């Protein structure tokens, strides 16, 4: 493993379909563990789930347990569906990965990272991962 932060995903239980009238977004908490005196241990904090009607707009928020999220944290967003591996949507706060639909956008809102889905489609029903860096080390989400 070596020095530097490591991601330790903890999956939250997906809401029961009968309790959620529309699409649900179950998010994953990603723990960032830093080694060495130059990095504080941080936890990435997200809402457990959100829902939106098809065609609607939803914003997922991702923050740190202490301190503000800035562009220096290089926020990234990933989408995971049961049928496929994680797909990178947004990197470096607001850069769209190749082939990602324009309805996905990233930003900093207040002191948190945000992923906005404008004009949601039924295929957007998925788990979404937020990744933040707290040092100069590369962080890989697997």
N, C-alpha and C. Protein backbone atom coordinates (compact mmCIF):
# COMPACT_ATOMS: atom_id res chain seq x y z
N UNK A 1 0.81 -1.19 0.00
CA UNK A 1 0.00 0.00 0.00
C UNK A 1 0.85 1.26 0.00
N UNK A 2 1.88 1.37 0.81
CA UNK A 2 2.78 2.52 0.76
C UNK A 2 2.17 3.75 1.40
N UNK A 3 2.96 4.84 1.40
CA UNK A 3 2.48 6.07 2.03
C UNK A 3 1.43 6.74 1.17
N UNK A 4 0.73 7.69 1.78
CA UNK A 4 -0.27 8.46 1.05
C UNK A 4 -1.67 8.00 1.40
N UNK A 5 -2.67 8.76 0.96
CA UNK A 5 -4.05 8.42 1.31
C UNK A 5 -4.56 7.21 0.54
N UNK A 6 -5.42 6.48 1.17
CA UNK A 6 -6.04 5.31 0.54
C UNK A 6 -7.55 5.43 0.70
N UNK A 7 -8.28 5.03 -0.31
CA UNK A 7 -9.73 5.06 -0.25
C UNK A 7 -10.24 3.76 0.35
N UNK A 8 -11.17 3.89 1.27
CA UNK A 8 -11.78 2.73 1.89
C UNK A 8 -13.29 2.86 1.74
N UNK A 9 -13.86 2.37 0.63
CA UNK A 9 -15.29 2.56 0.41
C UNK A 9 -16.13 1.75 1.37
N UNK A 10 -17.21 2.36 1.81
CA UNK A 10 -18.20 1.68 2.64
C UNK A 10 -19.55 1.88 1.96
N UNK A 11 -20.14 0.81 1.50
CA UNK A 11 -21.39 0.90 0.73
C UNK A 11 -22.58 1.05 1.68
N UNK A 12 -23.45 1.96 1.34
CA UNK A 12 -24.70 2.12 2.07
C UNK A 12 -25.78 1.27 1.41
N UNK A 13 -26.74 0.83 2.20
CA UNK A 13 -27.81 -0.02 1.68
C UNK A 13 -28.70 0.79 0.74
N UNK A 14 -29.00 0.20 -0.40
CA UNK A 14 -29.87 0.84 -1.39
C UNK A 14 -31.29 0.89 -0.83
N UNK A 15 -32.00 2.02 -0.98
CA UNK A 15 -33.37 2.09 -0.46
C UNK A 15 -34.27 1.04 -1.11
N UNK A 16 -35.24 0.57 -0.35
CA UNK A 16 -36.21 -0.39 -0.87
C UNK A 16 -37.01 0.28 -1.98
N UNK A 17 -37.15 -0.37 -3.16
CA UNK A 17 -37.85 0.26 -4.29
C UNK A 17 -39.26 0.73 -3.96
N UNK A 18 -39.95 0.03 -3.07
CA UNK A 18 -41.30 0.42 -2.73
C UNK A 18 -41.38 1.71 -1.94
N UNK A 19 -40.28 2.13 -1.34
CA UNK A 19 -40.28 3.33 -0.52
C UNK A 19 -39.82 4.57 -1.28
N UNK A 20 -39.30 4.39 -2.47
CA UNK A 20 -38.79 5.52 -3.24
C UNK A 20 -39.63 5.66 -4.50
N UNK A 21 -40.38 6.77 -4.66
CA UNK A 21 -41.30 6.88 -5.78
C UNK A 21 -40.63 7.05 -7.13
N UNK A 22 -39.40 7.55 -7.15
CA UNK A 22 -38.70 7.77 -8.41
C UNK A 22 -37.29 7.22 -8.30
N UNK A 23 -36.45 7.63 -9.22
CA UNK A 23 -35.07 7.14 -9.21
C UNK A 23 -34.38 7.51 -7.90
N UNK A 24 -33.55 6.62 -7.42
CA UNK A 24 -32.83 6.88 -6.17
C UNK A 24 -31.34 6.86 -6.43
N UNK A 25 -30.64 7.75 -5.77
CA UNK A 25 -29.19 7.77 -5.84
C UNK A 25 -28.65 7.36 -4.49
N UNK A 26 -28.04 6.21 -4.46
CA UNK A 26 -27.37 5.78 -3.24
C UNK A 26 -25.91 6.17 -3.39
N UNK A 27 -25.40 6.86 -2.42
CA UNK A 27 -24.02 7.30 -2.52
C UNK A 27 -23.13 6.48 -1.61
N UNK A 28 -21.88 6.56 -1.88
CA UNK A 28 -20.90 5.79 -1.15
C UNK A 28 -20.03 6.74 -0.34
N UNK A 29 -19.74 6.37 0.89
CA UNK A 29 -18.79 7.15 1.67
C UNK A 29 -17.39 6.66 1.35
N UNK A 30 -16.52 7.58 1.05
CA UNK A 30 -15.14 7.23 0.77
C UNK A 30 -14.27 7.80 1.88
N UNK A 31 -13.61 6.94 2.62
CA UNK A 31 -12.71 7.41 3.66
C UNK A 31 -11.33 7.68 3.08
N UNK A 32 -10.80 8.83 3.37
CA UNK A 32 -9.45 9.15 2.93
C UNK A 32 -8.54 9.09 4.14
N UNK A 33 -7.58 8.20 4.10
CA UNK A 33 -6.67 8.04 5.22
C UNK A 33 -5.29 8.51 4.81
N UNK A 34 -4.78 9.51 5.49
CA UNK A 34 -3.47 10.06 5.15
C UNK A 34 -2.41 9.59 6.12
N UNK A 35 -1.23 9.30 5.59
CA UNK A 35 -0.12 8.88 6.42
C UNK A 35 0.94 9.96 6.42
N UNK A 36 1.53 10.23 7.57
CA UNK A 36 2.58 11.24 7.67
C UNK A 36 2.02 12.52 8.27
N UNK A 37 2.89 13.36 8.82
CA UNK A 37 2.45 14.56 9.53
C UNK A 37 1.89 15.63 8.60
N UNK A 38 2.11 15.51 7.30
CA UNK A 38 1.67 16.54 6.36
C UNK A 38 0.23 16.35 5.88
N UNK A 39 -0.41 15.27 6.28
CA UNK A 39 -1.77 14.99 5.83
C UNK A 39 -2.65 14.68 7.03
N UNK A 40 -3.78 15.37 7.12
CA UNK A 40 -4.76 15.06 8.17
C UNK A 40 -5.69 13.97 7.66
N UNK A 41 -6.06 13.05 8.56
CA UNK A 41 -7.05 12.04 8.18
C UNK A 41 -8.38 12.75 7.94
N UNK A 42 -9.03 12.43 6.83
CA UNK A 42 -10.28 13.08 6.45
C UNK A 42 -11.29 12.01 6.04
N UNK A 43 -12.54 12.34 6.19
CA UNK A 43 -13.61 11.49 5.69
C UNK A 43 -14.46 12.30 4.72
N UNK A 44 -14.81 11.69 3.60
CA UNK A 44 -15.70 12.32 2.64
C UNK A 44 -17.13 12.04 3.07
N UNK A 45 -17.95 13.09 3.13
CA UNK A 45 -19.31 12.99 3.65
C UNK A 45 -20.31 13.29 2.53
N UNK A 46 -21.29 12.39 2.35
CA UNK A 46 -22.34 12.57 1.35
C UNK A 46 -23.69 12.18 1.95
N UNK A 47 -24.78 12.64 1.31
CA UNK A 47 -26.11 12.22 1.73
C UNK A 47 -26.28 10.73 1.42
N UNK A 48 -27.09 10.00 2.23
CA UNK A 48 -27.25 8.57 1.97
C UNK A 48 -28.02 8.27 0.69
N UNK A 49 -29.01 9.09 0.32
CA UNK A 49 -29.74 8.84 -0.93
C UNK A 49 -30.51 10.09 -1.33
N UNK A 50 -30.77 10.19 -2.62
CA UNK A 50 -31.57 11.28 -3.19
C UNK A 50 -32.46 10.69 -4.25
N UNK A 51 -33.56 11.37 -4.57
CA UNK A 51 -34.42 10.91 -5.65
C UNK A 51 -34.82 12.09 -6.52
N UNK A 52 -35.15 11.79 -7.78
CA UNK A 52 -35.56 12.81 -8.74
C UNK A 52 -36.47 12.15 -9.77
N UNK A 53 -37.41 12.91 -10.29
CA UNK A 53 -38.27 12.41 -11.36
C UNK A 53 -37.55 12.51 -12.69
N UNK A 54 -37.87 11.64 -13.64
CA UNK A 54 -37.27 11.76 -14.97
C UNK A 54 -37.51 13.17 -15.53
N UNK A 55 -36.44 13.75 -16.08
CA UNK A 55 -36.50 15.10 -16.59
C UNK A 55 -36.17 16.16 -15.56
N UNK A 56 -36.10 15.77 -14.30
CA UNK A 56 -35.81 16.71 -13.22
C UNK A 56 -34.32 16.95 -13.05
N UNK A 57 -34.01 17.80 -12.10
CA UNK A 57 -32.62 18.15 -11.79
C UNK A 57 -32.33 17.77 -10.35
N UNK A 58 -31.16 17.20 -10.12
CA UNK A 58 -30.73 16.83 -8.78
C UNK A 58 -29.26 17.19 -8.62
N UNK A 59 -28.89 17.59 -7.40
CA UNK A 59 -27.50 17.92 -7.10
C UNK A 59 -27.03 17.06 -5.94
N UNK A 60 -25.95 16.33 -6.14
CA UNK A 60 -25.32 15.53 -5.10
C UNK A 60 -24.18 16.35 -4.52
N UNK A 61 -24.07 16.35 -3.21
CA UNK A 61 -23.07 17.16 -2.51
C UNK A 61 -22.07 16.25 -1.82
N UNK A 62 -20.82 16.68 -1.81
CA UNK A 62 -19.74 15.91 -1.22
C UNK A 62 -18.83 16.86 -0.45
N UNK A 63 -18.66 16.61 0.84
CA UNK A 63 -17.83 17.48 1.66
C UNK A 63 -16.80 16.70 2.46
N UNK A 64 -15.95 17.43 3.14
CA UNK A 64 -14.96 16.83 4.03
C UNK A 64 -15.44 16.93 5.47
N UNK A 65 -15.01 16.00 6.31
CA UNK A 65 -15.42 16.00 7.71
C UNK A 65 -14.92 17.25 8.43
N UNK A 66 -13.82 17.81 7.98
CA UNK A 66 -13.35 19.09 8.51
C UNK A 66 -12.69 19.87 7.39
N UNK A 67 -13.00 21.14 7.31
CA UNK A 67 -12.43 21.98 6.26
C UNK A 67 -13.31 22.04 5.04
N UNK A 68 -12.89 22.88 4.11
CA UNK A 68 -13.65 23.12 2.89
C UNK A 68 -13.07 22.33 1.72
N UNK A 69 -13.93 21.97 0.79
CA UNK A 69 -13.49 21.38 -0.47
C UNK A 69 -13.16 22.52 -1.42
N UNK A 70 -12.00 22.45 -2.05
CA UNK A 70 -11.59 23.44 -3.04
C UNK A 70 -11.14 22.72 -4.31
N UNK A 71 -10.82 23.49 -5.32
CA UNK A 71 -10.32 22.88 -6.56
C UNK A 71 -9.01 22.14 -6.32
N UNK A 72 -8.29 22.49 -5.26
CA UNK A 72 -7.04 21.80 -4.91
C UNK A 72 -7.28 20.37 -4.45
N UNK A 73 -8.53 20.03 -4.13
CA UNK A 73 -8.88 18.65 -3.78
C UNK A 73 -9.21 17.82 -5.02
N UNK A 74 -9.23 18.45 -6.19
CA UNK A 74 -9.51 17.77 -7.46
C UNK A 74 -10.71 16.84 -7.36
N UNK A 75 -11.89 17.36 -7.00
CA UNK A 75 -13.06 16.48 -6.86
C UNK A 75 -13.36 15.70 -8.13
N UNK A 76 -13.68 14.43 -7.95
CA UNK A 76 -14.06 13.57 -9.06
C UNK A 76 -15.35 12.85 -8.74
N UNK A 77 -16.12 12.51 -9.76
CA UNK A 77 -17.39 11.81 -9.59
C UNK A 77 -17.43 10.60 -10.51
N UNK A 78 -17.93 9.49 -9.97
CA UNK A 78 -18.00 8.22 -10.69
C UNK A 78 -19.43 7.68 -10.59
N UNK A 79 -19.86 6.98 -11.63
CA UNK A 79 -21.18 6.37 -11.65
C UNK A 79 -21.01 4.85 -11.69
N UNK A 80 -21.78 4.16 -10.86
CA UNK A 80 -21.74 2.69 -10.81
C UNK A 80 -23.15 2.15 -10.97
N UNK A 81 -23.36 1.35 -12.01
CA UNK A 81 -24.63 0.66 -12.19
C UNK A 81 -24.38 -0.84 -12.00
N UNK A 82 -25.43 -1.61 -11.68
CA UNK A 82 -25.22 -3.05 -11.49
C UNK A 82 -24.64 -3.74 -12.73
N UNK A 83 -24.92 -3.20 -13.91
CA UNK A 83 -24.53 -3.86 -15.16
C UNK A 83 -23.11 -3.57 -15.61
N UNK A 84 -22.44 -2.57 -15.03
CA UNK A 84 -21.12 -2.23 -15.53
C UNK A 84 -20.19 -1.72 -14.43
N UNK A 85 -18.92 -1.65 -14.77
CA UNK A 85 -17.91 -1.15 -13.85
C UNK A 85 -18.09 0.35 -13.65
N UNK A 86 -17.44 0.89 -12.63
CA UNK A 86 -17.51 2.33 -12.37
C UNK A 86 -17.06 3.11 -13.58
N UNK A 87 -17.80 4.19 -13.87
CA UNK A 87 -17.48 5.06 -15.00
C UNK A 87 -17.13 6.44 -14.47
N UNK A 88 -16.01 6.98 -14.91
CA UNK A 88 -15.64 8.34 -14.53
C UNK A 88 -16.56 9.32 -15.26
N UNK A 89 -17.17 10.23 -14.50
CA UNK A 89 -18.03 11.26 -15.08
C UNK A 89 -17.32 12.60 -15.14
N UNK A 90 -16.83 13.03 -13.96
CA UNK A 90 -16.24 14.36 -13.79
C UNK A 90 -14.91 14.22 -13.08
N UNK A 91 -13.90 14.97 -13.53
CA UNK A 91 -12.61 15.01 -12.84
C UNK A 91 -12.17 16.46 -12.70
N UNK A 92 -11.27 16.71 -11.76
CA UNK A 92 -10.75 18.07 -11.51
C UNK A 92 -11.88 19.09 -11.40
N UNK A 93 -12.82 18.82 -10.55
CA UNK A 93 -13.95 19.68 -10.20
C UNK A 93 -15.05 19.72 -11.25
N UNK A 94 -14.71 20.12 -12.49
CA UNK A 94 -15.77 20.36 -13.48
C UNK A 94 -15.44 19.90 -14.89
N UNK A 95 -14.40 19.08 -15.04
CA UNK A 95 -14.04 18.58 -16.38
C UNK A 95 -14.81 17.30 -16.67
N UNK A 96 -15.53 17.28 -17.78
CA UNK A 96 -16.30 16.11 -18.18
C UNK A 96 -15.40 15.10 -18.87
N UNK A 97 -15.49 13.85 -18.45
CA UNK A 97 -14.75 12.80 -19.12
C UNK A 97 -15.35 12.57 -20.51
N UNK A 98 -14.54 12.09 -21.42
CA UNK A 98 -14.96 11.86 -22.81
C UNK A 98 -16.19 10.96 -22.88
N UNK A 99 -17.19 11.39 -23.63
CA UNK A 99 -18.39 10.59 -23.84
C UNK A 99 -19.46 10.76 -22.79
N UNK A 100 -19.19 11.52 -21.74
CA UNK A 100 -20.19 11.74 -20.68
C UNK A 100 -21.23 12.75 -21.19
N UNK A 101 -22.51 12.44 -21.04
CA UNK A 101 -23.55 13.37 -21.51
C UNK A 101 -23.46 14.72 -20.81
N UNK A 102 -23.86 15.77 -21.53
CA UNK A 102 -23.78 17.14 -21.01
C UNK A 102 -24.68 17.38 -19.81
N UNK A 103 -25.62 16.48 -19.53
CA UNK A 103 -26.50 16.68 -18.37
C UNK A 103 -25.75 16.52 -17.05
N UNK A 104 -24.54 15.96 -17.08
CA UNK A 104 -23.72 15.81 -15.87
C UNK A 104 -22.73 16.97 -15.80
N UNK A 105 -22.73 17.68 -14.67
CA UNK A 105 -21.78 18.78 -14.50
C UNK A 105 -21.28 18.81 -13.06
N UNK A 106 -20.04 19.24 -12.90
CA UNK A 106 -19.43 19.33 -11.58
C UNK A 106 -19.11 20.76 -11.23
N UNK A 107 -19.08 21.04 -9.92
CA UNK A 107 -18.79 22.39 -9.46
C UNK A 107 -18.38 22.35 -7.99
N UNK A 108 -17.98 23.52 -7.48
CA UNK A 108 -17.82 23.73 -6.05
C UNK A 108 -18.98 24.60 -5.62
N UNK A 109 -19.73 24.17 -4.63
CA UNK A 109 -20.87 24.92 -4.13
C UNK A 109 -20.66 25.18 -2.65
N UNK A 110 -20.43 26.45 -2.31
CA UNK A 110 -20.08 26.76 -0.93
C UNK A 110 -18.73 26.15 -0.62
N UNK A 111 -18.67 25.27 0.35
CA UNK A 111 -17.40 24.61 0.70
C UNK A 111 -17.44 23.12 0.38
N UNK A 112 -18.27 22.74 -0.60
CA UNK A 112 -18.43 21.32 -0.95
C UNK A 112 -18.35 21.14 -2.46
N UNK A 113 -18.05 19.91 -2.87
CA UNK A 113 -18.10 19.55 -4.28
C UNK A 113 -19.54 19.16 -4.62
N UNK A 114 -19.94 19.43 -5.85
CA UNK A 114 -21.31 19.13 -6.26
C UNK A 114 -21.32 18.49 -7.63
N UNK A 115 -22.19 17.50 -7.80
CA UNK A 115 -22.48 16.90 -9.10
C UNK A 115 -23.95 17.18 -9.39
N UNK A 116 -24.21 17.86 -10.49
CA UNK A 116 -25.59 18.17 -10.88
C UNK A 116 -25.97 17.37 -12.12
N UNK A 117 -27.14 16.74 -12.05
CA UNK A 117 -27.70 16.04 -13.20
C UNK A 117 -28.93 16.83 -13.62
N UNK A 118 -28.88 17.42 -14.80
CA UNK A 118 -29.95 18.26 -15.32
C UNK A 118 -30.69 17.49 -16.41
N UNK A 119 -32.00 17.31 -16.22
CA UNK A 119 -32.77 16.52 -17.18
C UNK A 119 -32.47 15.04 -17.02
N UNK A 120 -32.67 14.54 -15.80
CA UNK A 120 -32.31 13.15 -15.47
C UNK A 120 -33.03 12.15 -16.36
N UNK A 121 -32.31 11.10 -16.73
CA UNK A 121 -32.86 9.99 -17.51
C UNK A 121 -33.00 8.78 -16.60
N UNK A 122 -33.84 7.83 -16.99
CA UNK A 122 -34.03 6.64 -16.17
C UNK A 122 -32.73 5.86 -16.01
N UNK A 123 -31.85 5.90 -17.03
CA UNK A 123 -30.59 5.16 -16.93
C UNK A 123 -29.59 5.81 -15.97
N UNK A 124 -29.94 6.98 -15.43
CA UNK A 124 -29.08 7.64 -14.44
C UNK A 124 -29.29 7.07 -13.04
N UNK A 125 -30.24 6.17 -12.88
CA UNK A 125 -30.47 5.50 -11.59
C UNK A 125 -29.25 4.63 -11.31
N UNK A 126 -28.44 5.04 -10.34
CA UNK A 126 -27.14 4.38 -10.11
C UNK A 126 -26.58 4.81 -8.77
N UNK A 127 -25.46 4.21 -8.41
CA UNK A 127 -24.67 4.66 -7.26
C UNK A 127 -23.64 5.64 -7.78
N UNK A 128 -23.41 6.72 -7.02
CA UNK A 128 -22.46 7.74 -7.41
C UNK A 128 -21.39 7.87 -6.33
N UNK A 129 -20.15 7.91 -6.77
CA UNK A 129 -19.00 7.98 -5.87
C UNK A 129 -18.34 9.35 -6.01
N UNK A 130 -17.97 9.91 -4.91
CA UNK A 130 -17.19 11.14 -4.91
C UNK A 130 -15.79 10.82 -4.40
N UNK A 131 -14.79 11.34 -5.05
CA UNK A 131 -13.41 11.16 -4.59
C UNK A 131 -12.73 12.51 -4.43
N UNK A 132 -12.04 12.70 -3.31
CA UNK A 132 -11.33 13.95 -3.04
C UNK A 132 -9.90 13.64 -2.63
N UNK A 133 -8.98 14.46 -3.06
CA UNK A 133 -7.59 14.32 -2.64
C UNK A 133 -7.27 15.33 -1.56
N UNK A 134 -6.47 14.94 -0.58
CA UNK A 134 -6.07 15.86 0.49
C UNK A 134 -4.57 16.05 0.54
N UNK A 135 -3.87 15.57 -0.47
CA UNK A 135 -2.41 15.75 -0.54
C UNK A 135 -2.00 15.69 -1.99
N UNK A 136 -0.70 15.68 -2.23
CA UNK A 136 -0.21 15.64 -3.61
C UNK A 136 -0.18 14.22 -4.18
N UNK A 137 -0.56 13.23 -3.38
CA UNK A 137 -0.58 11.85 -3.87
C UNK A 137 -1.76 11.63 -4.80
N UNK A 138 -1.59 10.71 -5.73
CA UNK A 138 -2.70 10.32 -6.58
C UNK A 138 -3.65 9.44 -5.78
N UNK A 139 -4.94 9.57 -6.06
CA UNK A 139 -5.95 8.76 -5.41
C UNK A 139 -6.70 7.98 -6.48
N UNK A 140 -6.80 6.69 -6.30
CA UNK A 140 -7.47 5.83 -7.27
C UNK A 140 -8.71 5.24 -6.63
N UNK A 141 -9.83 5.33 -7.31
CA UNK A 141 -11.07 4.69 -6.84
C UNK A 141 -11.22 3.39 -7.60
N UNK A 142 -11.37 2.27 -6.87
CA UNK A 142 -11.50 0.97 -7.52
C UNK A 142 -12.83 0.36 -7.16
